[in-house]
Amino acid sequence: MRGVREVVVQVVFLAICSMANAIKPCPRATVVRDEVSYCLSWRMSVEANNMAGWRTVPMQCLPYIEGYMIGGQYDRDMDFIADQILSYVKGIVLSDDGMDAWILDVDDTCISNLFYYKGKRFGCDPYDPKGFKAWALKGGCPAISAVLGLFDKLVESGFKVILLTGRDEETLGQVTIDNLHNQGFIGYERLILRSAEHKGQGAIQYKSGIRKQLVEEGYRIWGNVGDQWSDLQGDYKGNRTFKLPNPMYFVP
């Protein structure tokens, strides 16, 4: 109904302009965008990777992003995606050589930084590397329940689950191991963190290189799950990739 009303307004406006055209040029009509609709479109563009390189959430979208992350829709979306992944998993016939692998990202895939980003106005504030490191060193990131359930089923099914993260191995290695263990991530094949040789590399280059090594070791990567497009781009992505929602930040 609203769309019809806007069209009628535009037609009337143009008719008036046509009659007045002999007097002076007509300015273009403008329609004020509804903020909720704008923020819905903004998040859709983020998740579709049509806004690669964005730095912060638009300030006018703070209430919308906050509501999405803590109001229940984020959790429902995560559950829905986990169900889609499991439907795919059911159709895979594993070999008997123990080399069928699955890759999971860590931050905001396995464990959540939502409490930290709440203090950063859900991404409206610029990225703060020192602040995030201080948060990660506390080792208090809670498990994302949908992914923990997925993880357990992957392990039970016989997949070699490999956790691949951009966290620094030297400073965050042990606390990440402990955090994952305390949140129930037990039974994975290995946890790979960014070592000194990978410092300075972008996420796509770093993770592509690790996946290449895994394939060269003989692993078959059936699936790859992450909250960032850079988790899923590049070479050796795996047979299928699954993007989890994250409208709070972008990792190039």
Protein backbone atom coordinates (compact mmCIF):
# COMPACT_ATOMS: atom_id res chain seq x y z
CA MET A 1 0.00 0.00 0.00
CA ARG A 2 2.84 2.32 0.89
CA GLY A 3 4.50 1.67 -2.46
CA VAL A 4 1.30 2.59 -4.33
CA ARG A 5 0.97 5.80 -2.32
CA GLU A 6 4.55 6.80 -3.15
CA VAL A 7 3.96 6.19 -6.86
CA VAL A 8 0.83 8.36 -6.81
CA VAL A 9 2.73 11.16 -5.04
CA GLN A 10 5.48 10.96 -7.66
CA VAL A 11 2.97 11.11 -10.55
CA VAL A 12 1.21 14.15 -9.09
CA PHE A 13 4.56 15.79 -8.44
CA LEU A 14 5.69 15.28 -12.03
CA ALA A 15 2.39 16.60 -13.37
CA ILE A 16 2.77 19.80 -11.36
CA CYS A 17 6.34 20.12 -12.56
CA SER A 18 5.26 19.75 -16.19
CA MET A 19 2.70 22.58 -15.85
CA ALA A 20 5.24 24.81 -14.14
CA ASN A 21 8.08 23.93 -16.47
CA ALA A 22 7.70 27.13 -18.50
CA ILE A 23 8.36 29.14 -15.39
CA LYS A 24 11.37 27.34 -13.87
CA PRO A 25 13.01 23.89 -13.84
CA CYS A 26 11.53 21.39 -11.42
CA PRO A 27 13.76 19.93 -8.66
CA ARG A 28 13.91 16.16 -8.24
CA ALA A 29 11.52 14.73 -5.68
CA THR A 30 13.14 12.99 -2.72
CA VAL A 31 11.65 10.29 -0.51
CA VAL A 32 12.91 10.00 3.06
CA ARG A 33 14.13 6.46 3.66
CA ASP A 34 12.90 4.58 6.67
CA GLU A 35 15.88 3.81 8.93
CA VAL A 36 14.84 0.25 9.66
CA SER A 37 14.46 -0.49 5.96
CA TYR A 38 17.83 1.11 5.28
CA CYS A 39 19.52 -0.97 8.00
CA LEU A 40 17.90 -4.16 6.71
CA SER A 41 19.32 -3.39 3.26
CA TRP A 42 22.68 -2.46 4.75
CA ARG A 43 22.97 -5.77 6.61
CA MET A 44 21.87 -7.72 3.54
CA SER A 45 24.62 -6.04 1.52
CA VAL A 46 27.15 -6.83 4.24
CA GLU A 47 26.21 -10.51 4.36
CA ALA A 48 26.25 -10.73 0.56
CA ASN A 49 29.73 -9.16 0.55
CA ASN A 50 28.57 -6.26 -1.59
CA MET A 51 30.19 -3.83 0.87
CA ALA A 52 33.66 -5.34 1.13
CA GLY A 53 36.04 -3.20 3.14
CA TRP A 54 33.50 -1.47 5.39
CA ARG A 55 34.92 -0.31 8.70
CA THR A 56 32.08 0.50 11.10
CA VAL A 57 28.35 0.00 11.44
CA PRO A 58 26.42 3.17 10.50
CA MET A 59 25.47 4.96 13.71
CA GLN A 60 21.80 5.08 12.75
CA CYS A 61 21.84 1.27 12.58
CA LEU A 62 23.00 0.75 16.17
CA PRO A 63 19.48 -0.01 17.51
CA TYR A 64 18.80 -2.37 14.62
CA ILE A 65 22.09 -4.31 14.93
CA GLU A 66 21.72 -4.50 18.70
CA GLY A 67 18.21 -5.85 18.32
CA TYR A 68 19.32 -8.37 15.71
CA MET A 69 22.25 -9.68 17.76
CA ILE A 70 20.54 -9.98 21.14
CA GLY A 71 16.84 -10.08 20.29
CA GLY A 72 16.79 -13.69 19.08
CA GLN A 73 16.99 -13.41 15.29
CA TYR A 74 20.76 -13.95 15.19
CA ASP A 75 20.37 -17.18 17.18
CA ARG A 76 17.55 -18.34 14.92
CA ASP A 77 19.66 -17.63 11.85
CA MET A 78 22.56 -19.61 13.31
CA ASP A 79 20.28 -22.56 14.08
CA PHE A 80 18.87 -22.44 10.55
CA ILE A 81 22.34 -22.47 8.96
CA ALA A 82 23.49 -25.30 11.22
CA ASP A 83 20.48 -27.34 10.08
CA GLN A 84 21.38 -26.67 6.43
CA ILE A 85 24.95 -27.82 7.06
CA LEU A 86 23.77 -31.01 8.75
CA SER A 87 21.48 -31.76 5.82
CA TYR A 88 24.54 -31.57 3.58
CA VAL A 89 26.58 -33.69 5.98
CA LYS A 90 24.02 -36.50 5.89
CA GLY A 91 24.69 -36.98 2.19
CA ILE A 92 28.46 -37.44 2.57
CA VAL A 93 29.93 -40.92 2.57
CA LEU A 94 33.18 -40.87 4.50
CA SER A 95 36.18 -42.91 3.48
CA ASP A 96 37.96 -45.27 5.84
CA ASP A 97 41.34 -43.49 5.74
CA GLY A 98 40.51 -40.85 8.34
CA MET A 99 41.25 -37.93 6.03
CA ASP A 100 37.77 -36.45 5.62
CA ALA A 101 38.09 -32.97 7.07
CA TRP A 102 35.92 -30.05 8.06
CA ILE A 103 37.20 -26.54 8.80
CA LEU A 104 35.69 -24.18 11.34
CA ASP A 105 36.76 -20.62 12.08
CA VAL A 106 37.00 -19.74 15.79
CA ASP A 107 36.00 -16.16 16.64
CA ASP A 108 32.27 -15.60 16.18
CA THR A 109 32.02 -19.02 14.62
CA CYS A 110 32.82 -21.41 17.48
CA ILE A 111 33.01 -18.89 20.30
CA SER A 112 31.32 -15.52 20.60
CA ASN A 113 32.74 -12.03 21.09
CA LEU A 114 29.29 -10.52 21.45
CA PHE A 115 29.91 -9.32 25.01
CA TYR A 116 33.02 -7.49 23.86
CA TYR A 117 31.29 -5.89 20.90
CA LYS A 118 28.40 -4.80 23.08
CA GLY A 119 30.91 -2.46 24.71
CA LYS A 120 31.96 -1.29 21.24
CA ARG A 121 28.36 -0.38 20.36
CA PHE A 122 27.98 -3.51 18.24
CA GLY A 123 30.54 -2.35 15.69
CA CYS A 124 29.75 1.36 15.54
CA ASP A 125 33.12 2.05 17.19
CA PRO A 126 36.32 1.48 15.17
CA TYR A 127 38.24 -1.77 15.61
CA ASP A 128 40.47 -1.70 18.68
CA PRO A 129 43.18 -4.39 18.41
CA LYS A 130 44.56 -3.80 21.91
CA GLY A 131 41.10 -3.89 23.43
CA PHE A 132 40.20 -7.09 21.61
CA LYS A 133 43.44 -8.78 22.67
CA ALA A 134 42.77 -7.85 26.30
CA TRP A 135 39.29 -9.36 25.96
CA ALA A 136 40.57 -12.56 24.32
CA LEU A 137 43.22 -13.01 27.03
CA LYS A 138 40.45 -13.34 29.60
CA GLY A 139 39.43 -16.61 27.94
CA GLY A 140 35.76 -16.01 28.62
CA CYS A 141 34.25 -16.23 25.13
CA PRO A 142 31.09 -18.35 25.35
CA ALA A 143 30.35 -21.09 22.86
CA ILE A 144 27.90 -20.38 20.06
CA SER A 145 25.41 -23.14 20.78
CA ALA A 146 24.40 -23.86 17.18
CA VAL A 147 28.02 -24.36 16.14
CA LEU A 148 28.91 -26.38 19.24
CA GLY A 149 26.08 -28.75 18.35
CA LEU A 150 27.32 -28.89 14.77
CA PHE A 151 30.88 -29.51 15.97
CA ASP A 152 29.79 -32.44 18.16
CA LYS A 153 27.88 -34.07 15.30
CA LEU A 154 30.79 -33.63 12.90
CA VAL A 155 33.18 -35.30 15.35
CA GLU A 156 30.70 -38.08 16.07
CA SER A 157 30.26 -38.66 12.33
CA GLY A 158 33.99 -39.23 11.88
CA PHE A 159 35.13 -35.93 10.36
CA LYS A 160 38.51 -34.55 11.32
CA VAL A 161 37.50 -31.10 12.50
CA ILE A 162 40.21 -28.50 12.08
CA LEU A 163 39.85 -25.15 13.82
CA LEU A 164 41.56 -22.42 11.82
CA THR A 165 41.90 -18.95 13.34
CA GLY A 166 43.74 -15.71 12.73
CA ARG A 167 44.50 -15.38 16.43
CA ASP A 168 48.19 -14.97 17.24
CA GLU A 169 49.72 -18.26 18.34
CA GLU A 170 52.38 -16.78 20.59
CA THR A 171 50.15 -14.54 22.70
CA LEU A 172 46.74 -16.20 22.45
CA GLY A 173 47.54 -19.85 21.80
CA GLN A 174 47.10 -21.38 25.25
CA VAL A 175 44.23 -19.17 26.34
CA THR A 176 42.37 -20.08 23.13
CA ILE A 177 42.94 -23.79 23.72
CA ASP A 178 41.65 -23.45 27.28
CA ASN A 179 38.68 -21.30 26.24
CA LEU A 180 37.60 -23.80 23.58
CA HIS A 181 38.02 -26.73 25.95
CA ASN A 182 36.06 -25.02 28.73
CA GLN A 183 33.22 -24.34 26.29
CA GLY A 184 32.97 -27.96 25.16
CA PHE A 185 35.02 -28.02 21.96
CA ILE A 186 36.71 -31.32 22.67
CA GLY A 187 37.81 -33.86 20.09
CA TYR A 188 38.97 -31.67 17.21
CA GLU A 189 41.86 -32.81 15.04
CA ARG A 190 43.95 -29.68 15.52
CA LEU A 191 43.80 -25.98 16.26
CA ILE A 192 45.82 -23.83 13.86
CA LEU A 193 46.71 -20.28 14.90
CA ARG A 194 48.68 -17.60 13.09
CA SER A 195 52.38 -18.24 13.64
CA ALA A 196 55.31 -15.87 13.12
CA GLU A 197 55.73 -16.95 9.51
CA HIS A 198 52.21 -15.77 8.69
CA LYS A 199 52.39 -12.35 10.33
CA GLY A 200 51.53 -9.56 7.96
CA GLN A 201 49.46 -11.76 5.67
CA GLY A 202 45.84 -10.91 4.98
CA ALA A 203 43.24 -13.41 6.14
CA ILE A 204 42.58 -14.78 2.65
CA GLN A 205 46.27 -15.39 1.93
CA TYR A 206 46.91 -16.88 5.37
CA LYS A 207 43.95 -19.23 5.41
CA SER A 208 44.39 -20.26 1.77
CA GLY A 209 47.97 -21.22 2.56
CA ILE A 210 46.95 -23.33 5.54
CA ARG A 211 44.23 -25.08 3.55
CA LYS A 212 46.73 -25.80 0.78
CA GLN A 213 49.01 -27.47 3.32
CA LEU A 214 46.13 -29.57 4.63
CA VAL A 215 45.19 -30.75 1.14
CA GLU A 216 48.83 -31.58 0.43
CA GLU A 217 48.82 -33.68 3.60
CA GLY A 218 45.97 -35.67 2.10
CA TYR A 219 42.93 -34.15 3.78
CA ARG A 220 39.70 -33.82 1.82
CA ILE A 221 37.97 -30.62 2.92
CA TRP A 222 34.26 -31.31 2.72
CA GLY A 223 33.10 -28.13 4.40
CA ASN A 224 34.36 -24.76 5.55
CA VAL A 225 32.43 -22.52 7.96
CA GLY A 226 33.19 -18.94 9.00
CA ASP A 227 31.58 -15.63 9.88
CA GLN A 228 33.84 -13.64 7.51
CA TRP A 229 34.03 -13.84 3.74
CA SER A 230 37.82 -13.95 4.11
CA ASP A 231 37.38 -17.31 5.90
CA LEU A 232 35.81 -18.72 2.75
CA GLN A 233 37.63 -17.05 -0.13
CA GLY A 234 40.89 -17.86 -1.87
CA ASP A 235 42.23 -21.27 -2.80
CA TYR A 236 41.35 -24.73 -1.48
CA LYS A 237 38.10 -23.47 0.02
CA GLY A 238 36.62 -26.94 0.36
CA ASN A 239 33.75 -28.73 -1.32
CA ARG A 240 31.20 -26.34 0.22
CA THR A 241 31.42 -23.14 2.20
CA PHE A 242 28.91 -21.78 4.69
CA LYS A 243 28.82 -18.12 5.73
CA LEU A 244 27.57 -17.29 9.21
CA PRO A 245 26.03 -13.88 9.92
CA ASN A 246 28.18 -11.16 11.44
CA PRO A 247 27.11 -7.55 10.87
CA MET A 248 29.47 -6.17 13.56
CA TYR A 249 32.84 -6.17 11.81
CA PHE A 250 34.69 -7.01 8.60
CA VAL A 251 38.04 -8.83 8.36
CA PRO A 252 39.81 -8.31 5.01
